Amino acid sequence: MPILQTSRLVLREFTPDDAHDLARVLCDQETMRYYPAPYDRAGVEQWIARNRRRYQDDGVGLWAMELKNPQDPELHIAIGDCGIVLQEVEGERLYEIGYHLRRDLWGQGLSTEAAIACRDWAFENLNATRLISLIRPENLPSCRVAERAGMTVWKEVNWRGFCHCVYSIEKAPVGLTNDGFPVRICHPERSEESAVRSKMQIPRFARDEIHNKECR
């Protein structure tokens, strides 16, 4: 069952059958260059199992990202993942937007489209006032996705042995309508007639010159 949809994408829960398609992402050396190493097939299967446990424990996790097929609406192609992961950062538990996309589809705005959809879904459905993305400073493509989703650098942390920028966006109590891709939230018990948009603001943090200092 879809969790949410955009004009080009469907996000749904992983199943064990997704391992073959996800391996094209997580086993690719260039895609995973900012991880300690690419995953092997066993690691991909563990990735899926870990997120399926998150669905049970946290109610969220990384979801399979499918590209819609205009010729056959029932035939979607799994091209990566995007979703919400509950992370602990410096003793604080925060919801993170994460995303990984098949390399041959980079540069088409798909990760941004998925991240914006997850941002809107999270503020609509979770008791969260802040969302983050943990990104290595040198991972400029992922930084740009976070920025297009309205995030700015909040702080830097040493996380899992590497320096990470903590990109952040806060939910506004009143006011701003999001720019970006429309998202349709899929609730079986509700009508799906229109998109749901959250109200939020970009936090007023000054972005540091991240390349000129080290994590402390």
C-alpha atoms as a PDB file:
ATOM      1  CA  MET A   1       0.000   0.000   0.000  1.00  0.00           C
ATOM      2  CA  PRO A   2       1.419   3.447  -0.878  1.00  0.00           C
ATOM      3  CA  ILE A   3       2.372   5.712   2.004  1.00  0.00           C
ATOM      4  CA  LEU A   4       2.309   8.783  -0.249  1.00  0.00           C
ATOM      5  CA  GLN A   5       2.530   9.789  -3.879  1.00  0.00           C
ATOM      6  CA  THR A   6       3.859  12.661  -5.940  1.00  0.00           C
ATOM      7  CA  SER A   7       3.378  13.385  -9.614  1.00  0.00           C
ATOM      8  CA  ARG A   8       6.174  10.973 -10.558  1.00  0.00           C
ATOM      9  CA  LEU A   9       6.777   8.802  -7.509  1.00  0.00           C
ATOM     10  CA  VAL A  10       5.183   6.340  -5.132  1.00  0.00           C
ATOM     11  CA  LEU A  11       6.671   5.709  -1.671  1.00  0.00           C
ATOM     12  CA  ARG A  12       5.662   2.464   0.018  1.00  0.00           C
ATOM     13  CA  GLU A  13       6.968   0.052   2.633  1.00  0.00           C
ATOM     14  CA  PHE A  14       9.801  -2.262   1.637  1.00  0.00           C
ATOM     15  CA  THR A  15       9.229  -5.980   1.148  1.00  0.00           C
ATOM     16  CA  PRO A  16      11.960  -8.653   0.972  1.00  0.00           C
ATOM     17  CA  ASP A  17      11.331  -8.865  -2.778  1.00  0.00           C
ATOM     18  CA  ASP A  18      12.813  -5.374  -3.204  1.00  0.00           C
ATOM     19  CA  ALA A  19      16.377  -6.582  -2.573  1.00  0.00           C
ATOM     20  CA  HIS A  20      17.233  -6.999  -6.263  1.00  0.00           C
ATOM     21  CA  ASP A  21      16.191  -3.461  -7.230  1.00  0.00           C
ATOM     22  CA  LEU A  22      17.670  -1.844  -4.109  1.00  0.00           C
ATOM     23  CA  ALA A  23      20.995  -3.578  -4.728  1.00  0.00           C
ATOM     24  CA  ARG A  24      21.412  -1.407  -7.846  1.00  0.00           C
ATOM     25  CA  VAL A  25      21.563   1.546  -5.450  1.00  0.00           C
ATOM     26  CA  LEU A  26      23.276   0.334  -2.285  1.00  0.00           C
ATOM     27  CA  CYS A  27      25.863  -1.848  -4.041  1.00  0.00           C
ATOM     28  CA  ASP A  28      26.968   0.938  -6.369  1.00  0.00           C
ATOM     29  CA  GLN A  29      30.349   2.337  -5.384  1.00  0.00           C
ATOM     30  CA  GLU A  30      29.725   5.878  -6.640  1.00  0.00           C
ATOM     31  CA  THR A  31      26.283   6.129  -5.018  1.00  0.00           C
ATOM     32  CA  MET A  32      27.669   4.946  -1.676  1.00  0.00           C
ATOM     33  CA  ARG A  33      30.950   6.869  -1.777  1.00  0.00           C
ATOM     34  CA  TYR A  34      30.114   8.741   1.439  1.00  0.00           C
ATOM     35  CA  TYR A  35      29.434   5.510   3.315  1.00  0.00           C
ATOM     36  CA  PRO A  36      32.286   3.384   4.691  1.00  0.00           C
ATOM     37  CA  ALA A  37      31.735   0.940   1.787  1.00  0.00           C
ATOM     38  CA  PRO A  38      29.058  -0.192  -0.656  1.00  0.00           C
ATOM     39  CA  TYR A  39      26.759  -2.933   0.563  1.00  0.00           C
ATOM     40  CA  ASP A  40      26.786  -6.530  -0.602  1.00  0.00           C
ATOM     41  CA  ARG A  41      23.585  -8.506  -1.223  1.00  0.00           C
ATOM     42  CA  ALA A  42      23.396  -9.643   2.420  1.00  0.00           C
ATOM     43  CA  GLY A  43      23.779  -6.029   3.531  1.00  0.00           C
ATOM     44  CA  VAL A  44      20.941  -4.947   1.239  1.00  0.00           C
ATOM     45  CA  GLU A  45      18.677  -7.611   2.710  1.00  0.00           C
ATOM     46  CA  GLN A  46      19.614  -6.453   6.222  1.00  0.00           C
ATOM     47  CA  TRP A  47      18.876  -2.842   5.191  1.00  0.00           C
ATOM     48  CA  ILE A  48      15.360  -3.841   4.172  1.00  0.00           C
ATOM     49  CA  ALA A  49      14.835  -5.924   7.320  1.00  0.00           C
ATOM     50  CA  ARG A  50      16.041  -3.045   9.510  1.00  0.00           C
ATOM     51  CA  ASN A  51      13.575  -0.646   7.939  1.00  0.00           C
ATOM     52  CA  ARG A  52      10.745  -3.160   8.268  1.00  0.00           C
ATOM     53  CA  ARG A  53      11.530  -3.310  12.001  1.00  0.00           C
ATOM     54  CA  ARG A  54      11.444   0.482  12.104  1.00  0.00           C
ATOM     55  CA  TYR A  55       7.929   0.441  10.648  1.00  0.00           C
ATOM     56  CA  GLN A  56       6.862  -1.688  13.619  1.00  0.00           C
ATOM     57  CA  ASP A  57       8.887   0.080  16.307  1.00  0.00           C
ATOM     58  CA  ASP A  58       8.783   3.735  15.201  1.00  0.00           C
ATOM     59  CA  GLY A  59       5.902   3.867  12.726  1.00  0.00           C
ATOM     60  CA  VAL A  60       8.276   5.193  10.051  1.00  0.00           C
ATOM     61  CA  GLY A  61      11.422   4.226   8.193  1.00  0.00           C
ATOM     62  CA  LEU A  62      12.952   4.467   4.766  1.00  0.00           C
ATOM     63  CA  TRP A  63      10.349   3.569   2.136  1.00  0.00           C
ATOM     64  CA  ALA A  64      10.847   2.070  -1.284  1.00  0.00           C
ATOM     65  CA  MET A  65      10.829   4.799  -3.941  1.00  0.00           C
ATOM     66  CA  GLU A  66       9.043   3.777  -7.120  1.00  0.00           C
ATOM     67  CA  LEU A  67       8.979   5.611 -10.434  1.00  0.00           C
ATOM     68  CA  LYS A  68       5.522   5.673 -11.948  1.00  0.00           C
ATOM     69  CA  ASN A  69       5.079   4.138 -15.386  1.00  0.00           C
ATOM     70  CA  PRO A  70       2.755   6.335 -17.492  1.00  0.00           C
ATOM     71  CA  GLN A  71       2.092   3.479 -19.908  1.00  0.00           C
ATOM     72  CA  ASP A  72       1.110   1.027 -17.170  1.00  0.00           C
ATOM     73  CA  PRO A  73      -0.094   2.594 -13.875  1.00  0.00           C
ATOM     74  CA  GLU A  74       0.157  -0.807 -12.160  1.00  0.00           C
ATOM     75  CA  LEU A  75       3.805  -1.308 -13.117  1.00  0.00           C
ATOM     76  CA  HIS A  76       6.084   0.878 -11.014  1.00  0.00           C
ATOM     77  CA  ILE A  77       9.869   0.602 -10.977  1.00  0.00           C
ATOM     78  CA  ALA A  78      11.757   0.661  -7.647  1.00  0.00           C
ATOM     79  CA  ILE A  79      14.627   3.152  -8.019  1.00  0.00           C
ATOM     80  CA  GLY A  80      15.821   3.776  -4.455  1.00  0.00           C
ATOM     81  CA  ASP A  81      14.423   4.837  -1.121  1.00  0.00           C
ATOM     82  CA  CYS A  82      13.297   7.902   0.784  1.00  0.00           C
ATOM     83  CA  GLY A  83      11.614   8.236   4.138  1.00  0.00           C
ATOM     84  CA  ILE A  84      11.762   9.228   7.787  1.00  0.00           C
ATOM     85  CA  VAL A  85      14.179   7.639  10.263  1.00  0.00           C
ATOM     86  CA  LEU A  86      14.231   8.321  13.999  1.00  0.00           C
ATOM     87  CA  GLN A  87      17.860   9.129  14.851  1.00  0.00           C
ATOM     88  CA  GLU A  88      19.666   9.997  18.061  1.00  0.00           C
ATOM     89  CA  VAL A  89      21.960  13.000  17.627  1.00  0.00           C
ATOM     90  CA  GLU A  90      23.884  14.322  20.615  1.00  0.00           C
ATOM     91  CA  GLY A  91      21.369  12.772  22.998  1.00  0.00           C
ATOM     92  CA  GLU A  92      18.307  14.119  21.159  1.00  0.00           C
ATOM     93  CA  ARG A  93      15.922  11.926  19.171  1.00  0.00           C
ATOM     94  CA  LEU A  94      15.006  13.590  15.895  1.00  0.00           C
ATOM     95  CA  TYR A  95      13.245  12.552  12.707  1.00  0.00           C
ATOM     96  CA  GLU A  96      15.600  12.493   9.732  1.00  0.00           C
ATOM     97  CA  ILE A  97      14.677  12.635   6.044  1.00  0.00           C
ATOM     98  CA  GLY A  98      16.907  10.159   4.209  1.00  0.00           C
ATOM     99  CA  TYR A  99      17.156   9.404   0.497  1.00  0.00           C
ATOM    100  CA  HIS A 100      19.141   7.200  -1.904  1.00  0.00           C
ATOM    101  CA  LEU A 101      18.564   7.165  -5.666  1.00  0.00           C
ATOM    102  CA  ARG A 102      19.783   4.947  -8.490  1.00  0.00           C
ATOM    103  CA  ARG A 103      22.716   6.689 -10.157  1.00  0.00           C
ATOM    104  CA  ASP A 104      21.416   6.638 -13.726  1.00  0.00           C
ATOM    105  CA  LEU A 105      18.457   8.769 -12.569  1.00  0.00           C
ATOM    106  CA  TRP A 106      20.433  11.545 -10.885  1.00  0.00           C
ATOM    107  CA  GLY A 107      19.871  15.104 -12.027  1.00  0.00           C
ATOM    108  CA  GLN A 108      16.118  14.820 -12.641  1.00  0.00           C
ATOM    109  CA  GLY A 109      14.904  16.237  -9.321  1.00  0.00           C
ATOM    110  CA  LEU A 110      13.550  12.906  -8.109  1.00  0.00           C
ATOM    111  CA  SER A 111      15.315  12.931  -4.732  1.00  0.00           C
ATOM    112  CA  THR A 112      14.139  16.491  -4.138  1.00  0.00           C
ATOM    113  CA  GLU A 113      10.591  15.561  -5.081  1.00  0.00           C
ATOM    114  CA  ALA A 114      10.631  12.626  -2.673  1.00  0.00           C
ATOM    115  CA  ALA A 115      12.273  14.613   0.143  1.00  0.00           C
ATOM    116  CA  ILE A 116       9.705  17.423  -0.103  1.00  0.00           C
ATOM    117  CA  ALA A 117       6.903  14.869  -0.035  1.00  0.00           C
ATOM    118  CA  CYS A 118       8.367  13.235   3.075  1.00  0.00           C
ATOM    119  CA  ARG A 119       8.827  16.639   4.715  1.00  0.00           C
ATOM    120  CA  ASP A 120       5.170  17.509   4.194  1.00  0.00           C
ATOM    121  CA  TRP A 121       4.014  14.043   5.283  1.00  0.00           C
ATOM    122  CA  ALA A 122       6.106  14.163   8.469  1.00  0.00           C
ATOM    123  CA  PHE A 123       4.819  17.549   9.584  1.00  0.00           C
ATOM    124  CA  GLU A 124       1.271  16.459   8.817  1.00  0.00           C
ATOM    125  CA  ASN A 125       1.411  13.045  10.490  1.00  0.00           C
ATOM    126  CA  LEU A 126       4.128  13.043  13.154  1.00  0.00           C
ATOM    127  CA  ASN A 127       4.410  14.926  16.413  1.00  0.00           C
ATOM    128  CA  ALA A 128       7.538  16.663  15.149  1.00  0.00           C
ATOM    129  CA  THR A 129       8.462  20.336  15.235  1.00  0.00           C
ATOM    130  CA  ARG A 130      11.853  19.823  13.567  1.00  0.00           C
ATOM    131  CA  LEU A 131      13.123  17.566  10.800  1.00  0.00           C
ATOM    132  CA  ILE A 132      16.776  17.006   9.984  1.00  0.00           C
ATOM    133  CA  SER A 133      19.060  15.438   7.405  1.00  0.00           C
ATOM    134  CA  LEU A 134      22.540  14.241   8.393  1.00  0.00           C
ATOM    135  CA  ILE A 135      24.902  14.836   5.476  1.00  0.00           C
ATOM    136  CA  ARG A 136      28.668  14.700   5.059  1.00  0.00           C
ATOM    137  CA  PRO A 137      29.887  18.236   4.101  1.00  0.00           C
ATOM    138  CA  GLU A 138      31.590  16.966   0.950  1.00  0.00           C
ATOM    139  CA  ASN A 139      28.397  15.279  -0.270  1.00  0.00           C
ATOM    140  CA  LEU A 140      27.299  18.335  -2.221  1.00  0.00           C
ATOM    141  CA  PRO A 141      24.473  16.682  -4.238  1.00  0.00           C
ATOM    142  CA  SER A 142      22.733  15.555  -1.032  1.00  0.00           C
ATOM    143  CA  CYS A 143      23.312  18.993   0.500  1.00  0.00           C
ATOM    144  CA  ARG A 144      21.550  20.564  -2.478  1.00  0.00           C
ATOM    145  CA  VAL A 145      18.565  18.231  -2.082  1.00  0.00           C
ATOM    146  CA  ALA A 146      18.235  19.242   1.575  1.00  0.00           C
ATOM    147  CA  GLU A 147      18.448  22.922   0.656  1.00  0.00           C
ATOM    148  CA  ARG A 148      15.792  22.562  -2.044  1.00  0.00           C
ATOM    149  CA  ALA A 149      13.575  20.949   0.576  1.00  0.00           C
ATOM    150  CA  GLY A 150      13.886  24.139   2.635  1.00  0.00           C
ATOM    151  CA  MET A 151      16.587  23.032   5.061  1.00  0.00           C
ATOM    152  CA  THR A 152      19.564  25.023   6.258  1.00  0.00           C
ATOM    153  CA  VAL A 153      22.631  24.001   8.238  1.00  0.00           C
ATOM    154  CA  TRP A 154      21.811  23.980  11.945  1.00  0.00           C
ATOM    155  CA  LYS A 155      25.083  22.651  13.353  1.00  0.00           C
ATOM    156  CA  GLU A 156      27.882  20.179  12.754  1.00  0.00           C
ATOM    157  CA  VAL A 157      28.353  16.937  14.650  1.00  0.00           C
ATOM    158  CA  ASN A 158      30.720  14.015  14.716  1.00  0.00           C
ATOM    159  CA  TRP A 159      28.295  11.209  13.949  1.00  0.00           C
ATOM    160  CA  ARG A 160      29.334   7.582  13.512  1.00  0.00           C
ATOM    161  CA  GLY A 161      32.947   8.624  13.207  1.00  0.00           C
ATOM    162  CA  PHE A 162      32.503  11.244  10.485  1.00  0.00           C
ATOM    163  CA  CYS A 163      31.832  14.970  10.389  1.00  0.00           C
ATOM    164  CA  HIS A 164      28.203  15.622   9.398  1.00  0.00           C
ATOM    165  CA  CYS A 165      26.219  18.760   8.761  1.00  0.00           C
ATOM    166  CA  VAL A 166      22.842  18.657  10.470  1.00  0.00           C
ATOM    167  CA  TYR A 167      20.437  20.231   8.010  1.00  0.00           C
ATOM    168  CA  SER A 168      17.197  21.291   9.675  1.00  0.00           C
ATOM    169  CA  ILE A 169      13.753  22.728   9.065  1.00  0.00           C
ATOM    170  CA  GLU A 170      11.160  23.680  11.666  1.00  0.00           C
ATOM    171  CA  LYS A 171       7.400  23.495  11.454  1.00  0.00           C
ATOM    172  CA  ALA A 172       5.816  26.927  11.697  1.00  0.00           C
ATOM    173  CA  PRO A 173       2.816  27.359  14.018  1.00  0.00           C
ATOM    174  CA  VAL A 174       1.200  29.621  11.432  1.00  0.00           C
ATOM    175  CA  GLY A 175       1.739  30.958   8.044  1.00  0.00           C
ATOM    176  CA  LEU A 176       3.854  29.817   5.169  1.00  0.00           C
ATOM    177  CA  THR A 177       2.619  27.619   2.351  1.00  0.00           C
ATOM    178  CA  ASN A 178       5.342  25.337   0.983  1.00  0.00           C
ATOM    179  CA  ASP A 179       6.725  25.769  -2.465  1.00  0.00           C
ATOM    180  CA  GLY A 180       7.569  22.594  -4.334  1.00  0.00           C
ATOM    181  CA  PHE A 181       5.936  19.469  -5.632  1.00  0.00           C
ATOM    182  CA  PRO A 182       2.360  18.621  -4.624  1.00  0.00           C
ATOM    183  CA  VAL A 183       2.023  15.496  -2.502  1.00  0.00           C
ATOM    184  CA  ARG A 184      -0.989  13.276  -2.067  1.00  0.00           C
ATOM    185  CA  ILE A 185      -1.200  11.630   1.341  1.00  0.00           C
ATOM    186  CA  CYS A 186      -2.675   8.159   1.164  1.00  0.00           C
ATOM    187  CA  HIS A 187      -5.109   7.420   3.978  1.00  0.00           C
ATOM    188  CA  PRO A 188      -7.373   4.408   3.310  1.00  0.00           C
ATOM    189  CA  GLU A 189     -10.024   5.891   5.571  1.00  0.00           C
ATOM    190  CA  ARG A 190     -10.020   9.310   3.869  1.00  0.00           C
ATOM    191  CA  SER A 191     -10.726  10.767   0.464  1.00  0.00           C
ATOM    192  CA  GLU A 192      -7.673  11.272  -1.750  1.00  0.00           C
ATOM    193  CA  GLU A 193      -9.194  14.149  -3.657  1.00  0.00           C
ATOM    194  CA  SER A 194      -6.471  16.723  -3.020  1.00  0.00           C
ATOM    195  CA  ALA A 195      -2.939  17.232  -1.885  1.00  0.00           C
ATOM    196  CA  VAL A 196      -2.132  17.987   1.739  1.00  0.00           C
ATOM    197  CA  ARG A 197       0.399  20.698   2.437  1.00  0.00           C
ATOM    198  CA  SER A 198       1.952  21.397   5.837  1.00  0.00           C
ATOM    199  CA  LYS A 199       2.827  24.886   7.085  1.00  0.00           C
ATOM    200  CA  MET A 200       6.429  25.473   7.971  1.00  0.00           C
ATOM    201  CA  GLN A 201       9.237  27.953   7.907  1.00  0.00           C
ATOM    202  CA  ILE A 202      12.930  27.790   7.236  1.00  0.00           C
ATOM    203  CA  PRO A 203      14.754  28.140  10.579  1.00  0.00           C
ATOM    204  CA  ARG A 204      16.699  31.362  11.083  1.00  0.00           C
ATOM    205  CA  PHE A 205      20.124  29.858  11.341  1.00  0.00           C
ATOM    206  CA  ALA A 206      23.167  31.411   9.719  1.00  0.00           C
ATOM    207  CA  ARG A 207      24.949  28.842   7.581  1.00  0.00           C
ATOM    208  CA  ASP A 208      28.558  28.309   8.641  1.00  0.00           C
ATOM    209  CA  GLU A 209      31.433  28.045   6.238  1.00  0.00           C
ATOM    210  CA  ILE A 210      31.445  24.293   6.645  1.00  0.00           C
ATOM    211  CA  HIS A 211      34.553  23.633   4.637  1.00  0.00           C
ATOM    212  CA  ASN A 212      36.781  25.891   6.738  1.00  0.00           C
ATOM    213  CA  LYS A 213      36.418  24.253  10.117  1.00  0.00           C
ATOM    214  CA  GLU A 214      36.460  20.839  11.712  1.00  0.00           C
ATOM    215  CA  CYS A 215      33.852  19.108  13.849  1.00  0.00           C
ATOM    216  CA  ARG A 216      34.575  19.444  17.494  1.00  0.00           C
END
